[in-house]
Each structure stands twice: as structure tokens, then as C-alpha cells.
Amino acid sequence: MNSSTTDVVTVKILGREFRLRCQPEERDGLIAASHYLDQEMRSIRDVGTIIGMERIAIMAALNIAHKLIQTKASQEDMQSRLTQRLLQINETVVSTLAASEKADID
């Protein structure tokens, strides 16, 4: 990354500031991701069973990864059902057109 084409973004996670570089078009996404991570880490910290920034960060990363895997699985299932439904609609259209053509011939 060339420093002249990158932005420096300061984000706060659990009260600590981090300065990060990113492409200008990635700035909003990075800020949103840092807010999401901060919320995840705060919710883990506030439960009080896990102590230490590193452990909290690892648990937050595991929670986020788990949510990502669940979301991907859900999207794959939805894609599969959508593909199946489109195939059924296509079969209906083809058979309807074939029946219409046969009726026109008779």
C-alpha cells in the first residue's frame, strides 16, 4: 500500500486506540468492523467470566467466526433451495410451452 493512497483511521476497541491504514474506499467498512468487534469484546468482558484483553479478543474472534460459518451455511442452503425452485419453474415453463405448441398443432 502506498501511503499517499491510504487513509489512517483511528479506532477504539475496549478503550484502546489503534491507528490503522486502509484504502479510502475501505474506511467505512473498517470503522464498522471495529465497532462490531468492540461490541463483541465488551459483551464478553461484561459477562465477567473471561479476563484479559487477549483472551477476550480470542473469544470475540471465535464468536464472530462461528456467526460467519452459520451465515455461510444458511446462504448456501438458501442458494440451493432457490436453484431447486428455479429448476422447477423452468420445467413448468418448458412443459407449458410444449403443451401450448401441441395444442396449436392440433
C-alpha atoms as a PDB file:
ATOM      1  CA  MET A   1       0.000   0.000   0.000  1.00  0.00           C
ATOM      2  CA  ASN A   2       1.299   3.396  -0.916  1.00  0.00           C
ATOM      3  CA  SER A   3       0.885   5.813   1.997  1.00  0.00           C
ATOM      4  CA  SER A   4      -0.296   8.575  -0.353  1.00  0.00           C
ATOM      5  CA  THR A   5      -3.288   6.479  -1.396  1.00  0.00           C
ATOM      6  CA  THR A   6      -4.216   5.193   2.046  1.00  0.00           C
ATOM      7  CA  ASP A   7      -6.154   6.692   4.911  1.00  0.00           C
ATOM      8  CA  VAL A   8      -5.123   6.454   8.532  1.00  0.00           C
ATOM      9  CA  VAL A   9      -8.087   5.514  10.663  1.00  0.00           C
ATOM     10  CA  THR A  10      -8.080   5.628  14.441  1.00  0.00           C
ATOM     11  CA  VAL A  11     -10.453   3.135  16.032  1.00  0.00           C
ATOM     12  CA  LYS A  12     -11.156   2.441  19.683  1.00  0.00           C
ATOM     13  CA  ILE A  13     -11.580  -1.118  20.938  1.00  0.00           C
ATOM     14  CA  LEU A  14     -12.171  -1.684  24.653  1.00  0.00           C
ATOM     15  CA  GLY A  15     -10.917   1.823  25.329  1.00  0.00           C
ATOM     16  CA  ARG A  16      -7.634   1.339  23.480  1.00  0.00           C
ATOM     17  CA  GLU A  17      -6.886   3.322  20.356  1.00  0.00           C
ATOM     18  CA  PHE A  18      -5.491   1.660  17.264  1.00  0.00           C
ATOM     19  CA  ARG A  19      -4.244   3.541  14.206  1.00  0.00           C
ATOM     20  CA  LEU A  20      -4.773   1.555  11.032  1.00  0.00           C
ATOM     21  CA  ARG A  21      -4.113   2.203   7.367  1.00  0.00           C
ATOM     22  CA  CYS A  22      -6.649   1.325   4.709  1.00  0.00           C
ATOM     23  CA  GLN A  23      -7.725   2.249   1.220  1.00  0.00           C
ATOM     24  CA  PRO A  24     -10.150   5.203   1.183  1.00  0.00           C
ATOM     25  CA  GLU A  25     -12.974   3.002  -0.134  1.00  0.00           C
ATOM     26  CA  GLU A  26     -12.445   0.568   2.780  1.00  0.00           C
ATOM     27  CA  ARG A  27     -12.602   3.231   5.504  1.00  0.00           C
ATOM     28  CA  ASP A  28     -16.311   2.924   6.347  1.00  0.00           C
ATOM     29  CA  GLY A  29     -16.133  -0.874   6.403  1.00  0.00           C
ATOM     30  CA  LEU A  30     -13.107  -0.823   8.702  1.00  0.00           C
ATOM     31  CA  ILE A  31     -14.830   1.561  11.093  1.00  0.00           C
ATOM     32  CA  ALA A  32     -17.974  -0.589  11.088  1.00  0.00           C
ATOM     33  CA  ALA A  33     -15.913  -3.736  11.693  1.00  0.00           C
ATOM     34  CA  SER A  34     -14.068  -2.122  14.587  1.00  0.00           C
ATOM     35  CA  HIS A  35     -17.362  -1.049  16.182  1.00  0.00           C
ATOM     36  CA  TYR A  36     -18.707  -4.583  15.789  1.00  0.00           C
ATOM     37  CA  LEU A  37     -15.547  -6.069  17.327  1.00  0.00           C
ATOM     38  CA  ASP A  38     -15.676  -3.565  20.174  1.00  0.00           C
ATOM     39  CA  GLN A  39     -19.286  -4.532  20.919  1.00  0.00           C
ATOM     40  CA  GLU A  40     -18.452  -8.246  20.840  1.00  0.00           C
ATOM     41  CA  MET A  41     -15.472  -7.786  23.134  1.00  0.00           C
ATOM     42  CA  ARG A  42     -17.434  -5.580  25.540  1.00  0.00           C
ATOM     43  CA  SER A  43     -20.231  -8.128  25.805  1.00  0.00           C
ATOM     44  CA  ILE A  44     -17.687 -10.858  26.608  1.00  0.00           C
ATOM     45  CA  ARG A  45     -15.876  -8.661  29.115  1.00  0.00           C
ATOM     46  CA  ASP A  46     -19.112  -7.566  30.784  1.00  0.00           C
ATOM     47  CA  VAL A  47     -20.147 -11.162  31.474  1.00  0.00           C
ATOM     48  CA  GLY A  48     -17.054 -11.270  33.651  1.00  0.00           C
ATOM     49  CA  THR A  49     -16.010 -14.899  33.207  1.00  0.00           C
ATOM     50  CA  ILE A  50     -13.088 -14.135  30.878  1.00  0.00           C
ATOM     51  CA  ILE A  51     -10.279 -11.845  31.957  1.00  0.00           C
ATOM     52  CA  GLY A  52      -7.524 -10.346  29.855  1.00  0.00           C
ATOM     53  CA  MET A  53      -7.581  -8.472  26.582  1.00  0.00           C
ATOM     54  CA  GLU A  54      -6.013 -11.333  24.636  1.00  0.00           C
ATOM     55  CA  ARG A  55      -8.498 -13.924  25.888  1.00  0.00           C
ATOM     56  CA  ILE A  56     -11.419 -11.600  25.269  1.00  0.00           C
ATOM     57  CA  ALA A  57     -10.136 -10.949  21.726  1.00  0.00           C
ATOM     58  CA  ILE A  58      -9.814 -14.689  21.058  1.00  0.00           C
ATOM     59  CA  MET A  59     -13.346 -15.383  22.321  1.00  0.00           C
ATOM     60  CA  ALA A  60     -14.706 -12.498  20.238  1.00  0.00           C
ATOM     61  CA  ALA A  61     -12.885 -13.843  17.178  1.00  0.00           C
ATOM     62  CA  LEU A  62     -14.324 -17.314  17.800  1.00  0.00           C
ATOM     63  CA  ASN A  63     -17.845 -15.902  18.222  1.00  0.00           C
ATOM     64  CA  ILE A  64     -17.535 -13.864  15.024  1.00  0.00           C
ATOM     65  CA  ALA A  65     -16.107 -16.845  13.104  1.00  0.00           C
ATOM     66  CA  HIS A  66     -18.963 -19.029  14.348  1.00  0.00           C
ATOM     67  CA  LYS A  67     -21.546 -16.458  13.206  1.00  0.00           C
ATOM     68  CA  LEU A  68     -19.803 -16.221   9.824  1.00  0.00           C
ATOM     69  CA  ILE A  69     -19.862 -20.004   9.358  1.00  0.00           C
ATOM     70  CA  GLN A  70     -23.553 -20.136  10.311  1.00  0.00           C
ATOM     71  CA  THR A  71     -24.343 -17.316   7.889  1.00  0.00           C
ATOM     72  CA  LYS A  72     -22.453 -19.006   5.049  1.00  0.00           C
ATOM     73  CA  ALA A  73     -24.235 -22.302   5.700  1.00  0.00           C
ATOM     74  CA  SER A  74     -27.582 -20.517   5.725  1.00  0.00           C
ATOM     75  CA  GLN A  75     -26.769 -18.730   2.461  1.00  0.00           C
ATOM     76  CA  GLU A  76     -25.661 -21.982   0.832  1.00  0.00           C
ATOM     77  CA  ASP A  77     -28.912 -23.644   1.921  1.00  0.00           C
ATOM     78  CA  MET A  78     -30.938 -20.712   0.609  1.00  0.00           C
ATOM     79  CA  GLN A  79     -28.997 -20.780  -2.681  1.00  0.00           C
ATOM     80  CA  SER A  80     -29.657 -24.494  -3.026  1.00  0.00           C
ATOM     81  CA  ARG A  81     -33.386 -24.058  -2.385  1.00  0.00           C
ATOM     82  CA  LEU A  82     -33.523 -21.129  -4.813  1.00  0.00           C
ATOM     83  CA  THR A  83     -31.731 -23.147  -7.507  1.00  0.00           C
ATOM     84  CA  GLN A  84     -34.133 -26.057  -6.985  1.00  0.00           C
ATOM     85  CA  ARG A  85     -37.143 -23.742  -7.192  1.00  0.00           C
ATOM     86  CA  LEU A  86     -35.843 -22.107 -10.374  1.00  0.00           C
ATOM     87  CA  LEU A  87     -35.361 -25.541 -11.940  1.00  0.00           C
ATOM     88  CA  GLN A  88     -38.974 -26.403 -11.062  1.00  0.00           C
ATOM     89  CA  ILE A  89     -40.220 -23.132 -12.562  1.00  0.00           C
ATOM     90  CA  ASN A  90     -38.160 -23.762 -15.688  1.00  0.00           C
ATOM     91  CA  GLU A  91     -39.662 -27.264 -16.030  1.00  0.00           C
ATOM     92  CA  THR A  92     -43.154 -25.799 -15.654  1.00  0.00           C
ATOM     93  CA  VAL A  93     -42.487 -23.164 -18.313  1.00  0.00           C
ATOM     94  CA  VAL A  94     -40.995 -25.713 -20.726  1.00  0.00           C
ATOM     95  CA  SER A  95     -43.865 -28.161 -20.278  1.00  0.00           C
ATOM     96  CA  THR A  96     -46.460 -25.381 -20.586  1.00  0.00           C
ATOM     97  CA  LEU A  97     -44.856 -24.130 -23.784  1.00  0.00           C
ATOM     98  CA  ALA A  98     -44.685 -27.671 -25.156  1.00  0.00           C
ATOM     99  CA  ALA A  99     -48.373 -28.237 -24.332  1.00  0.00           C
ATOM    100  CA  SER A 100     -49.266 -24.903 -25.932  1.00  0.00           C
ATOM    101  CA  GLU A 101     -47.361 -25.750 -29.093  1.00  0.00           C
ATOM    102  CA  LYS A 102     -49.026 -29.167 -29.252  1.00  0.00           C
ATOM    103  CA  ALA A 103     -52.475 -27.563 -28.829  1.00  0.00           C
ATOM    104  CA  ASP A 104     -51.710 -25.123 -31.641  1.00  0.00           C
ATOM    105  CA  ILE A 105     -50.730 -28.011 -33.953  1.00  0.00           C
ATOM    106  CA  ASP A 106     -53.906 -29.996 -33.211  1.00  0.00           C
END
